[in-house]
């Protein structure tokens, strides 16, 4: 019986491991403003990947703005 792969896990290059390893990948909303009056309007999506071998984490802003 085969098991289904985890849809949040991808094989990607890891800078720390120096090879392709499984990574858990997700999206987080990050508040970029320190001003409490504008903070609700300054959330940006970031793609976050964590190496399941060494725990290294990488975040990349998705909208490039």
C-alpha atoms as a PDB file:
ATOM      1  CA  UNK A   1       0.000   0.000   0.000  1.00  0.00           C
ATOM      2  CA  UNK A   2       1.479   3.350  -1.009  1.00  0.00           C
ATOM      3  CA  UNK A   3       1.379   6.469   1.122  1.00  0.00           C
ATOM      4  CA  UNK A   4       0.506   9.893  -0.223  1.00  0.00           C
ATOM      5  CA  UNK A   5       3.244  12.531  -0.109  1.00  0.00           C
ATOM      6  CA  UNK A   6       2.782  15.471   2.250  1.00  0.00           C
ATOM      7  CA  UNK A   7       1.449  18.329   0.061  1.00  0.00           C
ATOM      8  CA  UNK A   8       3.424  20.887   2.099  1.00  0.00           C
ATOM      9  CA  UNK A   9       6.777  19.106   1.592  1.00  0.00           C
ATOM     10  CA  UNK A  10       9.018  19.749  -1.420  1.00  0.00           C
ATOM     11  CA  UNK A  11      12.560  18.735  -2.367  1.00  0.00           C
ATOM     12  CA  UNK A  12      14.627  21.914  -2.728  1.00  0.00           C
ATOM     13  CA  UNK A  13      18.281  22.943  -2.525  1.00  0.00           C
ATOM     14  CA  UNK A  14      19.430  23.672   1.037  1.00  0.00           C
ATOM     15  CA  UNK A  15      22.280  26.182   1.395  1.00  0.00           C
ATOM     16  CA  UNK A  16      23.271  24.794   4.796  1.00  0.00           C
ATOM     17  CA  UNK A  17      23.218  21.106   3.779  1.00  0.00           C
ATOM     18  CA  UNK A  18      24.709  21.814   0.341  1.00  0.00           C
ATOM     19  CA  UNK A  19      22.321  19.422  -1.409  1.00  0.00           C
ATOM     20  CA  UNK A  20      18.670  18.881  -2.325  1.00  0.00           C
ATOM     21  CA  UNK A  21      16.657  17.940   0.763  1.00  0.00           C
ATOM     22  CA  UNK A  22      12.974  17.765   1.743  1.00  0.00           C
ATOM     23  CA  UNK A  23      11.576  21.115   2.891  1.00  0.00           C
ATOM     24  CA  UNK A  24       8.305  21.950   4.613  1.00  0.00           C
ATOM     25  CA  UNK A  25       6.865  24.947   2.732  1.00  0.00           C
ATOM     26  CA  UNK A  26       4.135  27.404   3.669  1.00  0.00           C
ATOM     27  CA  UNK A  27       2.992  31.017   3.431  1.00  0.00           C
ATOM     28  CA  UNK A  28       3.070  33.503   6.308  1.00  0.00           C
ATOM     29  CA  UNK A  29       1.691  37.031   6.475  1.00  0.00           C
ATOM     30  CA  UNK A  30       4.342  39.362   7.895  1.00  0.00           C
ATOM     31  CA  UNK A  31       3.548  42.828   9.246  1.00  0.00           C
ATOM     32  CA  UNK A  32       6.213  45.153   7.898  1.00  0.00           C
ATOM     33  CA  UNK A  33       5.141  48.394   9.588  1.00  0.00           C
ATOM     34  CA  UNK A  34       6.058  49.251  13.154  1.00  0.00           C
ATOM     35  CA  UNK A  35       3.329  51.909  13.262  1.00  0.00           C
ATOM     36  CA  UNK A  36       0.241  50.417  14.986  1.00  0.00           C
ATOM     37  CA  UNK A  37      -2.126  52.627  12.947  1.00  0.00           C
ATOM     38  CA  UNK A  38      -0.862  51.274   9.609  1.00  0.00           C
ATOM     39  CA  UNK A  39       0.179  47.756  10.680  1.00  0.00           C
ATOM     40  CA  UNK A  40      -3.146  46.149   9.614  1.00  0.00           C
ATOM     41  CA  UNK A  41      -2.517  47.434   6.077  1.00  0.00           C
ATOM     42  CA  UNK A  42       1.162  46.473   5.805  1.00  0.00           C
ATOM     43  CA  UNK A  43       0.949  42.681   5.851  1.00  0.00           C
ATOM     44  CA  UNK A  44       2.853  40.969   3.055  1.00  0.00           C
ATOM     45  CA  UNK A  45       2.890  37.286   2.039  1.00  0.00           C
ATOM     46  CA  UNK A  46       6.181  35.436   2.480  1.00  0.00           C
ATOM     47  CA  UNK A  47       7.030  31.947   1.231  1.00  0.00           C
ATOM     48  CA  UNK A  48       8.729  30.152   4.126  1.00  0.00           C
ATOM     49  CA  UNK A  49      10.665  26.927   3.617  1.00  0.00           C
ATOM     50  CA  UNK A  50      12.262  24.879   6.396  1.00  0.00           C
ATOM     51  CA  UNK A  51      14.744  22.092   5.688  1.00  0.00           C
ATOM     52  CA  UNK A  52      13.538  18.913   7.384  1.00  0.00           C
ATOM     53  CA  UNK A  53      17.150  17.663   7.641  1.00  0.00           C
ATOM     54  CA  UNK A  54      18.978  20.590   9.302  1.00  0.00           C
ATOM     55  CA  UNK A  55      16.175  23.022  10.234  1.00  0.00           C
ATOM     56  CA  UNK A  56      17.490  25.928   8.124  1.00  0.00           C
ATOM     57  CA  UNK A  57      14.713  28.426   7.341  1.00  0.00           C
ATOM     58  CA  UNK A  58      14.404  30.746   4.359  1.00  0.00           C
ATOM     59  CA  UNK A  59      11.752  33.445   3.839  1.00  0.00           C
ATOM     60  CA  UNK A  60      11.103  35.181   0.516  1.00  0.00           C
ATOM     61  CA  UNK A  61       8.629  38.021  -0.018  1.00  0.00           C
ATOM     62  CA  UNK A  62       6.178  36.747  -2.629  1.00  0.00           C
ATOM     63  CA  UNK A  63       4.932  39.927  -4.271  1.00  0.00           C
ATOM     64  CA  UNK A  64       8.408  41.323  -4.923  1.00  0.00           C
ATOM     65  CA  UNK A  65       7.268  44.810  -3.913  1.00  0.00           C
END
